[in-house]
Amino acid sequence: QVQLVESGGGLVQAGESLRLSCAASGNIFHFNLMGWFRQAPGKQRELVAQIRRSGSTSYADSVKGRFTISRDSAKNTVYLQMNSLKPEDTAVYSCAAATVLRYEYWGQGTQVTVSS
């Protein structure tokens, strides 16, 4: 029933910015957590950023100061603003949602490629 639809991925040069969007099929406040994950070849999947129902946010050390997660409740959409992109940010980025603590709903994933 719950669907997460991502958009905004693409190819950019190092130092540039990109914004990913994740549109939910229902009220995003039904979820305790919403987050962005990424996985690059040869690396483990990692939680990049998450936002709680309360609005509290957290980030992986590798993206702190560069990425920002936010939401627009009117659009039931969560965003990931990515600034100062680096080649090592290249990965498939996935949106996910948790009713409580377990991320149980996932988007299709979108490719982000950062060239040098």
PDB file of N, CA and C in Angstrom:
ATOM      1  N   GLN A   1       0.812  -1.198   0.000  1.00  0.00           N
ATOM      2  CA  GLN A   1       0.000   0.000   0.000  1.00  0.00           C
ATOM      3  C   GLN A   1       0.855   1.261   0.000  1.00  0.00           C
ATOM      4  N   VAL A   2       1.877   1.277   0.846  1.00  0.00           N
ATOM      5  CA  VAL A   2       2.765   2.427   0.926  1.00  0.00           C
ATOM      6  C   VAL A   2       3.734   2.384  -0.244  1.00  0.00           C
ATOM      7  N   GLN A   3       3.837   3.493  -0.945  1.00  0.00           N
ATOM      8  CA  GLN A   3       4.781   3.622  -2.037  1.00  0.00           C
ATOM      9  C   GLN A   3       5.650   4.856  -1.841  1.00  0.00           C
ATOM     10  N   LEU A   4       6.927   4.706  -2.148  1.00  0.00           N
ATOM     11  CA  LEU A   4       7.874   5.804  -2.092  1.00  0.00           C
ATOM     12  C   LEU A   4       8.458   5.974  -3.486  1.00  0.00           C
ATOM     13  N   VAL A   5       8.307   7.147  -4.050  1.00  0.00           N
ATOM     14  CA  VAL A   5       8.752   7.408  -5.412  1.00  0.00           C
ATOM     15  C   VAL A   5       9.854   8.450  -5.392  1.00  0.00           C
ATOM     16  N   GLU A   6      11.024   8.052  -5.874  1.00  0.00           N
ATOM     17  CA  GLU A   6      12.195   8.916  -5.848  1.00  0.00           C
ATOM     18  C   GLU A   6      12.414   9.599  -7.185  1.00  0.00           C
ATOM     19  N   SER A   7      13.069  10.742  -7.122  1.00  0.00           N
ATOM     20  CA  SER A   7      13.459  11.464  -8.319  1.00  0.00           C
ATOM     21  C   SER A   7      14.640  12.366  -7.981  1.00  0.00           C
ATOM     22  N   GLY A   8      15.317  12.849  -8.996  1.00  0.00           N
ATOM     23  CA  GLY A   8      16.376  13.825  -8.805  1.00  0.00           C
ATOM     24  C   GLY A   8      17.790  13.318  -8.990  1.00  0.00           C
ATOM     25  N   GLY A   9      17.962  12.025  -9.170  1.00  0.00           N
ATOM     26  CA  GLY A   9      19.297  11.498  -9.382  1.00  0.00           C
ATOM     27  C   GLY A   9      19.846  11.927 -10.730  1.00  0.00           C
ATOM     28  N   GLY A  10      21.152  11.760 -10.886  1.00  0.00           N
ATOM     29  CA  GLY A  10      21.762  12.136 -12.146  1.00  0.00           C
ATOM     30  C   GLY A  10      23.264  12.169 -12.080  1.00  0.00           C
ATOM     31  N   LEU A  11      23.853  12.765 -13.098  1.00  0.00           N
ATOM     32  CA  LEU A  11      25.298  12.878 -13.226  1.00  0.00           C
ATOM     33  C   LEU A  11      25.712  14.330 -13.023  1.00  0.00           C
ATOM     34  N   VAL A  12      26.625  14.556 -12.084  1.00  0.00           N
ATOM     35  CA  VAL A  12      27.135  15.899 -11.815  1.00  0.00           C
ATOM     36  C   VAL A  12      28.644  15.847 -11.640  1.00  0.00           C
ATOM     37  N   GLN A  13      29.260  17.008 -11.702  1.00  0.00           N
ATOM     38  CA  GLN A  13      30.694  17.113 -11.468  1.00  0.00           C
ATOM     39  C   GLN A  13      30.984  17.368  -9.996  1.00  0.00           C
ATOM     40  N   ALA A  14      32.164  16.995  -9.557  1.00  0.00           N
ATOM     41  CA  ALA A  14      32.579  17.238  -8.183  1.00  0.00           C
ATOM     42  C   ALA A  14      32.428  18.712  -7.831  1.00  0.00           C
ATOM     43  N   GLY A  15      31.907  18.964  -6.628  1.00  0.00           N
ATOM     44  CA  GLY A  15      31.685  20.323  -6.172  1.00  0.00           C
ATOM     45  C   GLY A  15      30.297  20.852  -6.441  1.00  0.00           C
ATOM     46  N   GLU A  16      29.555  20.188  -7.282  1.00  0.00           N
ATOM     47  CA  GLU A  16      28.203  20.624  -7.611  1.00  0.00           C
ATOM     48  C   GLU A  16      27.184  20.071  -6.625  1.00  0.00           C
ATOM     49  N   SER A  17      25.926  20.452  -6.809  1.00  0.00           N
ATOM     50  CA  SER A  17      24.853  20.075  -5.901  1.00  0.00           C
ATOM     51  C   SER A  17      23.756  19.317  -6.626  1.00  0.00           C
ATOM     52  N   LEU A  18      23.000  18.579  -5.839  1.00  0.00           N
ATOM     53  CA  LEU A  18      21.888  17.806  -6.359  1.00  0.00           C
ATOM     54  C   LEU A  18      20.861  17.662  -5.246  1.00  0.00           C
ATOM     55  N   ARG A  19      19.590  17.657  -5.607  1.00  0.00           N
ATOM     56  CA  ARG A  19      18.541  17.434  -4.626  1.00  0.00           C
ATOM     57  C   ARG A  19      17.698  16.234  -5.014  1.00  0.00           C
ATOM     58  N   LEU A  20      17.621  15.273  -4.110  1.00  0.00           N
ATOM     59  CA  LEU A  20      16.792  14.098  -4.303  1.00  0.00           C
ATOM     60  C   LEU A  20      15.438  14.306  -3.631  1.00  0.00           C
ATOM     61  N   SER A  21      14.394  13.776  -4.245  1.00  0.00           N
ATOM     62  CA  SER A  21      13.051  13.862  -3.690  1.00  0.00           C
ATOM     63  C   SER A  21      12.479  12.467  -3.486  1.00  0.00           C
ATOM     64  N   CYS A  22      11.692  12.311  -2.439  1.00  0.00           N
ATOM     65  CA  CYS A  22      11.015  11.056  -2.147  1.00  0.00           C
ATOM     66  C   CYS A  22       9.571  11.374  -1.811  1.00  0.00           C
ATOM     67  N   ALA A  23       8.678  11.075  -2.733  1.00  0.00           N
ATOM     68  CA  ALA A  23       7.255  11.344  -2.546  1.00  0.00           C
ATOM     69  C   ALA A  23       6.562  10.103  -2.001  1.00  0.00           C
ATOM     70  N   ALA A  24       5.893  10.245  -0.870  1.00  0.00           N
ATOM     71  CA  ALA A  24       5.175   9.141  -0.242  1.00  0.00           C
ATOM     72  C   ALA A  24       3.713   9.137  -0.673  1.00  0.00           C
ATOM     73  N   SER A  25       3.120   7.948  -0.705  1.00  0.00           N
ATOM     74  CA  SER A  25       1.734   7.809  -1.137  1.00  0.00           C
ATOM     75  C   SER A  25       0.732   8.261  -0.084  1.00  0.00           C
ATOM     76  N   GLY A  26       1.184   8.410   1.156  1.00  0.00           N
ATOM     77  CA  GLY A  26       0.320   8.840   2.241  1.00  0.00           C
ATOM     78  C   GLY A  26       0.989   9.893   3.099  1.00  0.00           C
ATOM     79  N   ASN A  27       0.352  10.183   4.211  1.00  0.00           N
ATOM     80  CA  ASN A  27       0.857  11.180   5.137  1.00  0.00           C
ATOM     81  C   ASN A  27       2.197  10.739   5.718  1.00  0.00           C
ATOM     82  N   ILE A  28       3.222  11.537   5.518  1.00  0.00           N
ATOM     83  CA  ILE A  28       4.547  11.156   6.003  1.00  0.00           C
ATOM     84  C   ILE A  28       4.626  11.128   7.526  1.00  0.00           C
ATOM     85  N   PHE A  29       3.683  11.761   8.199  1.00  0.00           N
ATOM     86  CA  PHE A  29       3.674  11.744   9.664  1.00  0.00           C
ATOM     87  C   PHE A  29       3.133  10.436  10.226  1.00  0.00           C
ATOM     88  N   HIS A  30       2.705   9.519   9.342  1.00  0.00           N
ATOM     89  CA  HIS A  30       2.413   8.154   9.774  1.00  0.00           C
ATOM     90  C   HIS A  30       3.690   7.415  10.140  1.00  0.00           C
ATOM     91  N   PHE A  31       4.828   7.926   9.669  1.00  0.00           N
ATOM     92  CA  PHE A  31       6.108   7.271   9.885  1.00  0.00           C
ATOM     93  C   PHE A  31       6.870   7.918  11.028  1.00  0.00           C
ATOM     94  N   ASN A  32       7.451   7.077  11.869  1.00  0.00           N
ATOM     95  CA  ASN A  32       8.300   7.581  12.929  1.00  0.00           C
ATOM     96  C   ASN A  32       9.628   8.084  12.369  1.00  0.00           C
ATOM     97  N   LEU A  33      10.137   7.385  11.334  1.00  0.00           N
ATOM     98  CA  LEU A  33      11.409   7.732  10.715  1.00  0.00           C
ATOM     99  C   LEU A  33      11.296   7.697   9.204  1.00  0.00           C
ATOM    100  N   MET A  34      11.969   8.603   8.554  1.00  0.00           N
ATOM    101  CA  MET A  34      12.206   8.511   7.125  1.00  0.00           C
ATOM    102  C   MET A  34      13.678   8.791   6.896  1.00  0.00           C
ATOM    103  N   GLY A  35      14.257   8.055   5.965  1.00  0.00           N
ATOM    104  CA  GLY A  35      15.682   8.198   5.770  1.00  0.00           C
ATOM    105  C   GLY A  35      16.140   7.953   4.349  1.00  0.00           C
ATOM    106  N   TRP A  36      17.390   8.303   4.122  1.00  0.00           N
ATOM    107  CA  TRP A  36      18.064   8.049   2.852  1.00  0.00           C
ATOM    108  C   TRP A  36      19.251   7.129   3.096  1.00  0.00           C
ATOM    109  N   PHE A  37      19.331   6.067   2.311  1.00  0.00           N
ATOM    110  CA  PHE A  37      20.442   5.134   2.333  1.00  0.00           C
ATOM    111  C   PHE A  37      21.199   5.221   1.019  1.00  0.00           C
ATOM    112  N   ARG A  38      22.435   4.751   1.030  1.00  0.00           N
ATOM    113  CA  ARG A  38      23.181   4.642  -0.219  1.00  0.00           C
ATOM    114  C   ARG A  38      24.075   3.408  -0.187  1.00  0.00           C
ATOM    115  N   GLN A  39      24.347   2.887  -1.374  1.00  0.00           N
ATOM    116  CA  GLN A  39      25.248   1.766  -1.502  1.00  0.00           C
ATOM    117  C   GLN A  39      26.054   1.912  -2.782  1.00  0.00           C
ATOM    118  N   ALA A  40      27.359   1.880  -2.626  1.00  0.00           N
ATOM    119  CA  ALA A  40      28.279   1.946  -3.747  1.00  0.00           C
ATOM    120  C   ALA A  40      28.927   0.588  -3.945  1.00  0.00           C
ATOM    121  N   PRO A  41      29.399   0.298  -5.153  1.00  0.00           N
ATOM    122  CA  PRO A  41      30.072  -0.980  -5.404  1.00  0.00           C
ATOM    123  C   PRO A  41      31.230  -1.201  -4.437  1.00  0.00           C
ATOM    124  N   GLY A  42      31.281  -2.384  -3.836  1.00  0.00           N
ATOM    125  CA  GLY A  42      32.349  -2.713  -2.917  1.00  0.00           C
ATOM    126  C   GLY A  42      32.206  -2.135  -1.528  1.00  0.00           C
ATOM    127  N   LYS A  43      31.105  -1.472  -1.256  1.00  0.00           N
ATOM    128  CA  LYS A  43      30.887  -0.872   0.050  1.00  0.00           C
ATOM    129  C   LYS A  43      29.584  -1.365   0.664  1.00  0.00           C
ATOM    130  N   GLN A  44      29.499  -1.306   1.982  1.00  0.00           N
ATOM    131  CA  GLN A  44      28.282  -1.664   2.683  1.00  0.00           C
ATOM    132  C   GLN A  44      27.243  -0.560   2.517  1.00  0.00           C
ATOM    133  N   ARG A  45      25.974  -0.959   2.576  1.00  0.00           N
ATOM    134  CA  ARG A  45      24.918   0.027   2.563  1.00  0.00           C
ATOM    135  C   ARG A  45      24.994   0.855   3.836  1.00  0.00           C
ATOM    136  N   GLU A  46      24.820   2.141   3.713  1.00  0.00           N
ATOM    137  CA  GLU A  46      24.878   2.990   4.880  1.00  0.00           C
ATOM    138  C   GLU A  46      23.692   3.941   4.936  1.00  0.00           C
ATOM    139  N   LEU A  47      23.298   4.238   6.151  1.00  0.00           N
ATOM    140  CA  LEU A  47      22.271   5.243   6.377  1.00  0.00           C
ATOM    141  C   LEU A  47      22.929   6.610   6.281  1.00  0.00           C
ATOM    142  N   VAL A  48      22.497   7.385   5.321  1.00  0.00           N
ATOM    143  CA  VAL A  48      23.097   8.689   5.066  1.00  0.00           C
ATOM    144  C   VAL A  48      22.487   9.762   5.957  1.00  0.00           C
ATOM    145  N   ALA A  49      21.173   9.776   6.032  1.00  0.00           N
ATOM    146  CA  ALA A  49      20.462  10.798   6.790  1.00  0.00           C
ATOM    147  C   ALA A  49      19.084  10.291   7.161  1.00  0.00           C
ATOM    148  N   GLN A  50      18.565  10.742   8.287  1.00  0.00           N
ATOM    149  CA  GLN A  50      17.208  10.406   8.656  1.00  0.00           C
ATOM    150  C   GLN A  50      16.549  11.567   9.375  1.00  0.00           C
ATOM    151  N   ILE A  51      15.229  11.578   9.299  1.00  0.00           N
ATOM    152  CA  ILE A  51      14.441  12.593   9.978  1.00  0.00           C
ATOM    153  C   ILE A  51      13.319  11.915  10.740  1.00  0.00           C
ATOM    154  N   ARG A  52      13.142  12.301  11.992  1.00  0.00           N
ATOM    155  CA  ARG A  52      12.124  11.744  12.850  1.00  0.00           C
ATOM    156  C   ARG A  52      10.829  12.538  12.721  1.00  0.00           C
ATOM    157  N   ARG A  53       9.744  11.956  13.172  1.00  0.00           N
ATOM    158  CA  ARG A  53       8.454  12.639  13.138  1.00  0.00           C
ATOM    159  C   ARG A  53       8.548  14.002  13.821  1.00  0.00           C
ATOM    160  N   SER A  54       9.327  14.062  14.874  1.00  0.00           N
ATOM    161  CA  SER A  54       9.512  15.290  15.628  1.00  0.00           C
ATOM    162  C   SER A  54      10.272  16.363  14.849  1.00  0.00           C
ATOM    163  N   GLY A  55      10.957  15.955  13.786  1.00  0.00           N
ATOM    164  CA  GLY A  55      11.786  16.870  13.024  1.00  0.00           C
ATOM    165  C   GLY A  55      13.266  16.740  13.311  1.00  0.00           C
ATOM    166  N   SER A  56      13.606  15.955  14.312  1.00  0.00           N
ATOM    167  CA  SER A  56      15.003  15.723  14.642  1.00  0.00           C
ATOM    168  C   SER A  56      15.701  14.998  13.490  1.00  0.00           C
ATOM    169  N   THR A  57      16.930  15.387  13.202  1.00  0.00           N
ATOM    170  CA  THR A  57      17.680  14.794  12.099  1.00  0.00           C
ATOM    171  C   THR A  57      19.012  14.242  12.564  1.00  0.00           C
ATOM    172  N   SER A  58      19.552  13.312  11.788  1.00  0.00           N
ATOM    173  CA  SER A  58      20.879  12.785  12.041  1.00  0.00           C
ATOM    174  C   SER A  58      21.533  12.428  10.716  1.00  0.00           C
ATOM    175  N   TYR A  59      22.872  12.415  10.709  1.00  0.00           N
ATOM    176  CA  TYR A  59      23.626  12.214   9.478  1.00  0.00           C
ATOM    177  C   TYR A  59      24.824  11.314   9.703  1.00  0.00           C
ATOM    178  N   ALA A  60      25.213  10.620   8.649  1.00  0.00           N
ATOM    179  CA  ALA A  60      26.466   9.891   8.679  1.00  0.00           C
ATOM    180  C   ALA A  60      27.617  10.889   8.715  1.00  0.00           C
ATOM    181  N   ASP A  61      28.693  10.514   9.385  1.00  0.00           N
ATOM    182  CA  ASP A  61      29.845  11.413   9.491  1.00  0.00           C
ATOM    183  C   ASP A  61      30.371  11.841   8.121  1.00  0.00           C
ATOM    184  N   SER A  62      30.283  10.957   7.151  1.00  0.00           N
ATOM    185  CA  SER A  62      30.824  11.232   5.832  1.00  0.00           C
ATOM    186  C   SER A  62      30.098  12.344   5.081  1.00  0.00           C
ATOM    187  N   VAL A  63      28.886  12.683   5.509  1.00  0.00           N
ATOM    188  CA  VAL A  63      28.112  13.698   4.797  1.00  0.00           C
ATOM    189  C   VAL A  63      27.751  14.896   5.655  1.00  0.00           C
ATOM    190  N   LYS A  64      28.118  14.877   6.920  1.00  0.00           N
ATOM    191  CA  LYS A  64      27.795  15.991   7.807  1.00  0.00           C
ATOM    192  C   LYS A  64      28.367  17.295   7.270  1.00  0.00           C
ATOM    193  N   GLY A  65      27.539  18.317   7.285  1.00  0.00           N
ATOM    194  CA  GLY A  65      27.954  19.613   6.789  1.00  0.00           C
ATOM    195  C   GLY A  65      27.740  19.802   5.308  1.00  0.00           C
ATOM    196  N   ARG A  66      27.451  18.723   4.593  1.00  0.00           N
ATOM    197  CA  ARG A  66      27.242  18.803   3.151  1.00  0.00           C
ATOM    198  C   ARG A  66      25.824  18.436   2.735  1.00  0.00           C
ATOM    199  N   PHE A  67      25.229  17.475   3.413  1.00  0.00           N
ATOM    200  CA  PHE A  67      23.887  17.007   3.072  1.00  0.00           C
ATOM    201  C   PHE A  67      22.877  17.497   4.102  1.00  0.00           C
ATOM    202  N   THR A  68      21.653  17.734   3.649  1.00  0.00           N
ATOM    203  CA  THR A  68      20.568  18.138   4.532  1.00  0.00           C
ATOM    204  C   THR A  68      19.298  17.387   4.166  1.00  0.00           C
ATOM    205  N   ILE A  69      18.690  16.748   5.158  1.00  0.00           N
ATOM    206  CA  ILE A  69      17.404  16.098   4.939  1.00  0.00           C
ATOM    207  C   ILE A  69      16.306  17.031   5.434  1.00  0.00           C
ATOM    208  N   SER A  70      15.228  17.106   4.683  1.00  0.00           N
ATOM    209  CA  SER A  70      14.118  17.974   5.043  1.00  0.00           C
ATOM    210  C   SER A  70      12.816  17.369   4.536  1.00  0.00           C
ATOM    211  N   ARG A  71      11.702  17.982   4.887  1.00  0.00           N
ATOM    212  CA  ARG A  71      10.412  17.468   4.456  1.00  0.00           C
ATOM    213  C   ARG A  71       9.448  18.595   4.147  1.00  0.00           C
ATOM    214  N   ASP A  72       8.476  18.284   3.312  1.00  0.00           N
ATOM    215  CA  ASP A  72       7.384  19.183   2.983  1.00  0.00           C
ATOM    216  C   ASP A  72       6.109  18.388   3.237  1.00  0.00           C
ATOM    217  N   SER A  73       5.468  18.639   4.365  1.00  0.00           N
ATOM    218  CA  SER A  73       4.298  17.855   4.749  1.00  0.00           C
ATOM    219  C   SER A  73       3.135  18.029   3.780  1.00  0.00           C
ATOM    220  N   ALA A  74       3.002  19.219   3.199  1.00  0.00           N
ATOM    221  CA  ALA A  74       1.919  19.476   2.254  1.00  0.00           C
ATOM    222  C   ALA A  74       2.044  18.607   1.009  1.00  0.00           C
ATOM    223  N   LYS A  75       3.268  18.265   0.652  1.00  0.00           N
ATOM    224  CA  LYS A  75       3.524  17.436  -0.522  1.00  0.00           C
ATOM    225  C   LYS A  75       3.834  15.989  -0.160  1.00  0.00           C
ATOM    226  N   ASN A  76       3.849  15.677   1.139  1.00  0.00           N
ATOM    227  CA  ASN A  76       4.221  14.340   1.609  1.00  0.00           C
ATOM    228  C   ASN A  76       5.537  13.889   0.976  1.00  0.00           C
ATOM    229  N   THR A  77       6.487  14.789   0.999  1.00  0.00           N
ATOM    230  CA  THR A  77       7.756  14.561   0.333  1.00  0.00           C
ATOM    231  C   THR A  77       8.927  14.840   1.259  1.00  0.00           C
ATOM    232  N   VAL A  78       9.926  13.980   1.185  1.00  0.00           N
ATOM    233  CA  VAL A  78      11.179  14.154   1.908  1.00  0.00           C
ATOM    234  C   VAL A  78      12.278  14.420   0.890  1.00  0.00           C
ATOM    235  N   TYR A  79      13.179  15.323   1.228  1.00  0.00           N
ATOM    236  CA  TYR A  79      14.252  15.716   0.327  1.00  0.00           C
ATOM    237  C   TYR A  79      15.619  15.404   0.920  1.00  0.00           C
ATOM    238  N   LEU A  80      16.581  15.248   0.048  1.00  0.00           N
ATOM    239  CA  LEU A  80      17.977  15.185   0.453  1.00  0.00           C
ATOM    240  C   LEU A  80      18.745  16.171  -0.412  1.00  0.00           C
ATOM    241  N   GLN A  81      19.118  17.282   0.190  1.00  0.00           N
ATOM    242  CA  GLN A  81      19.929  18.271  -0.497  1.00  0.00           C
ATOM    243  C   GLN A  81      21.388  17.883  -0.337  1.00  0.00           C
ATOM    244  N   MET A  82      22.073  17.696  -1.447  1.00  0.00           N
ATOM    245  CA  MET A  82      23.457  17.262  -1.436  1.00  0.00           C
ATOM    246  C   MET A  82      24.319  18.352  -2.054  1.00  0.00           C
ATOM    247  N   ASN A  83      25.176  18.945  -1.242  1.00  0.00           N
ATOM    248  CA  ASN A  83      26.073  19.998  -1.693  1.00  0.00           C
ATOM    249  C   ASN A  83      27.517  19.513  -1.656  1.00  0.00           C
ATOM    250  N   SER A  84      28.369  20.226  -2.366  1.00  0.00           N
ATOM    251  CA  SER A  84      29.796  19.912  -2.400  1.00  0.00           C
ATOM    252  C   SER A  84      30.043  18.431  -2.654  1.00  0.00           C
ATOM    253  N   LEU A  85      29.390  17.922  -3.662  1.00  0.00           N
ATOM    254  CA  LEU A  85      29.463  16.493  -3.944  1.00  0.00           C
ATOM    255  C   LEU A  85      30.876  16.063  -4.313  1.00  0.00           C
ATOM    256  N   LYS A  86      31.212  14.863  -3.882  1.00  0.00           N
ATOM    257  CA  LYS A  86      32.514  14.265  -4.127  1.00  0.00           C
ATOM    258  C   LYS A  86      32.349  12.972  -4.915  1.00  0.00           C
ATOM    259  N   PRO A  87      33.381  12.556  -5.643  1.00  0.00           N
ATOM    260  CA  PRO A  87      33.274  11.280  -6.362  1.00  0.00           C
ATOM    261  C   PRO A  87      32.887  10.111  -5.464  1.00  0.00           C
ATOM    262  N   GLU A  88      33.332  10.118  -4.219  1.00  0.00           N
ATOM    263  CA  GLU A  88      32.995   9.042  -3.303  1.00  0.00           C
ATOM    264  C   GLU A  88      31.530   9.025  -2.874  1.00  0.00           C
ATOM    265  N   ASP A  89      30.773  10.062  -3.242  1.00  0.00           N
ATOM    266  CA  ASP A  89      29.333  10.070  -3.004  1.00  0.00           C
ATOM    267  C   ASP A  89      28.576   9.262  -4.053  1.00  0.00           C
ATOM    268  N   THR A  90      29.261   8.848  -5.093  1.00  0.00           N
ATOM    269  CA  THR A  90      28.632   8.061  -6.150  1.00  0.00           C
ATOM    270  C   THR A  90      28.056   6.774  -5.570  1.00  0.00           C
ATOM    271  N   ALA A  91      26.765   6.556  -5.794  1.00  0.00           N
ATOM    272  CA  ALA A  91      26.090   5.392  -5.238  1.00  0.00           C
ATOM    273  C   ALA A  91      24.643   5.367  -5.706  1.00  0.00           C
ATOM    274  N   VAL A  92      23.975   4.259  -5.425  1.00  0.00           N
ATOM    275  CA  VAL A  92      22.530   4.194  -5.571  1.00  0.00           C
ATOM    276  C   VAL A  92      21.928   4.674  -4.260  1.00  0.00           C
ATOM    277  N   TYR A  93      21.097   5.681  -4.333  1.00  0.00           N
ATOM    278  CA  TYR A  93      20.462   6.252  -3.154  1.00  0.00           C
ATOM    279  C   TYR A  93      19.022   5.782  -3.071  1.00  0.00           C
ATOM    280  N   SER A  94      18.619   5.309  -1.885  1.00  0.00           N
ATOM    281  CA  SER A  94      17.277   4.790  -1.677  1.00  0.00           C
ATOM    282  C   SER A  94      16.592   5.511  -0.530  1.00  0.00           C
ATOM    283  N   CYS A  95      15.330   5.806  -0.720  1.00  0.00           N
ATOM    284  CA  CYS A  95      14.489   6.386   0.313  1.00  0.00           C
ATOM    285  C   CYS A  95      13.813   5.262   1.079  1.00  0.00           C
ATOM    286  N   ALA A  96      13.653   5.431   2.391  1.00  0.00           N
ATOM    287  CA  ALA A  96      13.013   4.411   3.206  1.00  0.00           C
ATOM    288  C   ALA A  96      12.202   5.047   4.328  1.00  0.00           C
ATOM    289  N   ALA A  97      11.232   4.288   4.836  1.00  0.00           N
ATOM    290  CA  ALA A  97      10.368   4.773   5.906  1.00  0.00           C
ATOM    291  C   ALA A  97      10.131   3.690   6.941  1.00  0.00           C
ATOM    292  N   ALA A  98      10.003   4.101   8.194  1.00  0.00           N
ATOM    293  CA  ALA A  98       9.774   3.190   9.305  1.00  0.00           C
ATOM    294  C   ALA A  98       8.556   3.638  10.100  1.00  0.00           C
ATOM    295  N   THR A  99       7.627   2.714  10.307  1.00  0.00           N
ATOM    296  CA  THR A  99       6.466   3.025  11.131  1.00  0.00           C
ATOM    297  C   THR A  99       6.897   3.284  12.562  1.00  0.00           C
ATOM    298  N   VAL A 100       7.854   2.481  13.047  1.00  0.00           N
ATOM    299  CA  VAL A 100       8.377   2.656  14.390  1.00  0.00           C
ATOM    300  C   VAL A 100       9.897   2.841  14.314  1.00  0.00           C
ATOM    301  N   LEU A 101      10.653   1.739  14.289  1.00  0.00           N
ATOM    302  CA  LEU A 101      12.105   1.791  14.246  1.00  0.00           C
ATOM    303  C   LEU A 101      12.703   1.029  13.074  1.00  0.00           C
ATOM    304  N   ARG A 102      11.999   0.040  12.560  1.00  0.00           N
ATOM    305  CA  ARG A 102      12.483  -0.768  11.458  1.00  0.00           C
ATOM    306  C   ARG A 102      12.083  -0.145  10.130  1.00  0.00           C
ATOM    307  N   TYR A 103      13.072   0.061   9.264  1.00  0.00           N
ATOM    308  CA  TYR A 103      12.794   0.574   7.923  1.00  0.00           C
ATOM    309  C   TYR A 103      12.156  -0.537   7.104  1.00  0.00           C
ATOM    310  N   GLU A 104      10.869  -0.427   6.871  1.00  0.00           N
ATOM    311  CA  GLU A 104      10.091  -1.474   6.222  1.00  0.00           C
ATOM    312  C   GLU A 104       9.615  -1.124   4.823  1.00  0.00           C
ATOM    313  N   TYR A 105       9.635   0.144   4.470  1.00  0.00           N
ATOM    314  CA  TYR A 105       9.197   0.572   3.150  1.00  0.00           C
ATOM    315  C   TYR A 105      10.366   1.220   2.430  1.00  0.00           C
ATOM    316  N   TRP A 106      10.493   0.883   1.145  1.00  0.00           N
ATOM    317  CA  TRP A 106      11.639   1.338   0.370  1.00  0.00           C
ATOM    318  C   TRP A 106      11.236   1.843  -1.002  1.00  0.00           C
ATOM    319  N   GLY A 107      11.937   2.849  -1.464  1.00  0.00           N
ATOM    320  CA  GLY A 107      11.759   3.329  -2.816  1.00  0.00           C
ATOM    321  C   GLY A 107      12.555   2.482  -3.794  1.00  0.00           C
ATOM    322  N   GLN A 108      12.493   2.842  -5.049  1.00  0.00           N
ATOM    323  CA  GLN A 108      13.126   2.051  -6.102  1.00  0.00           C
ATOM    324  C   GLN A 108      14.627   2.277  -6.222  1.00  0.00           C
ATOM    325  N   GLY A 109      15.111   3.348  -5.650  1.00  0.00           N
ATOM    326  CA  GLY A 109      16.517   3.696  -5.743  1.00  0.00           C
ATOM    327  C   GLY A 109      16.797   4.580  -6.943  1.00  0.00           C
ATOM    328  N   THR A 110      17.739   5.488  -6.788  1.00  0.00           N
ATOM    329  CA  THR A 110      18.118   6.372  -7.880  1.00  0.00           C
ATOM    330  C   THR A 110      19.637   6.537  -7.902  1.00  0.00           C
ATOM    331  N   GLN A 111      20.193   6.525  -9.095  1.00  0.00           N
ATOM    332  CA  GLN A 111      21.644   6.584  -9.256  1.00  0.00           C
ATOM    333  C   GLN A 111      22.140   8.018  -9.179  1.00  0.00           C
ATOM    334  N   VAL A 112      23.154   8.220  -8.359  1.00  0.00           N
ATOM    335  CA  VAL A 112      23.861   9.495  -8.293  1.00  0.00           C
ATOM    336  C   VAL A 112      25.310   9.230  -8.674  1.00  0.00           C
ATOM    337  N   THR A 113      25.779   9.915  -9.695  1.00  0.00           N
ATOM    338  CA  THR A 113      27.148   9.745 -10.151  1.00  0.00           C
ATOM    339  C   THR A 113      27.853  11.096 -10.127  1.00  0.00           C
ATOM    340  N   VAL A 114      28.982  11.140  -9.450  1.00  0.00           N
ATOM    341  CA  VAL A 114      29.766  12.370  -9.329  1.00  0.00           C
ATOM    342  C   VAL A 114      31.102  12.148 -10.016  1.00  0.00           C
ATOM    343  N   SER A 115      31.355  12.915 -11.047  1.00  0.00           N
ATOM    344  CA  SER A 115      32.590  12.785 -11.800  1.00  0.00           C
ATOM    345  C   SER A 115      33.622  13.782 -11.313  1.00  0.00           C
ATOM    346  N   SER A 116      34.881  13.463 -11.532  1.00  0.00           N
ATOM    347  CA  SER A 116      35.983  14.343 -11.151  1.00  0.00           C
ATOM    348  C   SER A 116      36.561  15.068 -12.344  1.00  0.00           C
TER     349      SER A 116
END
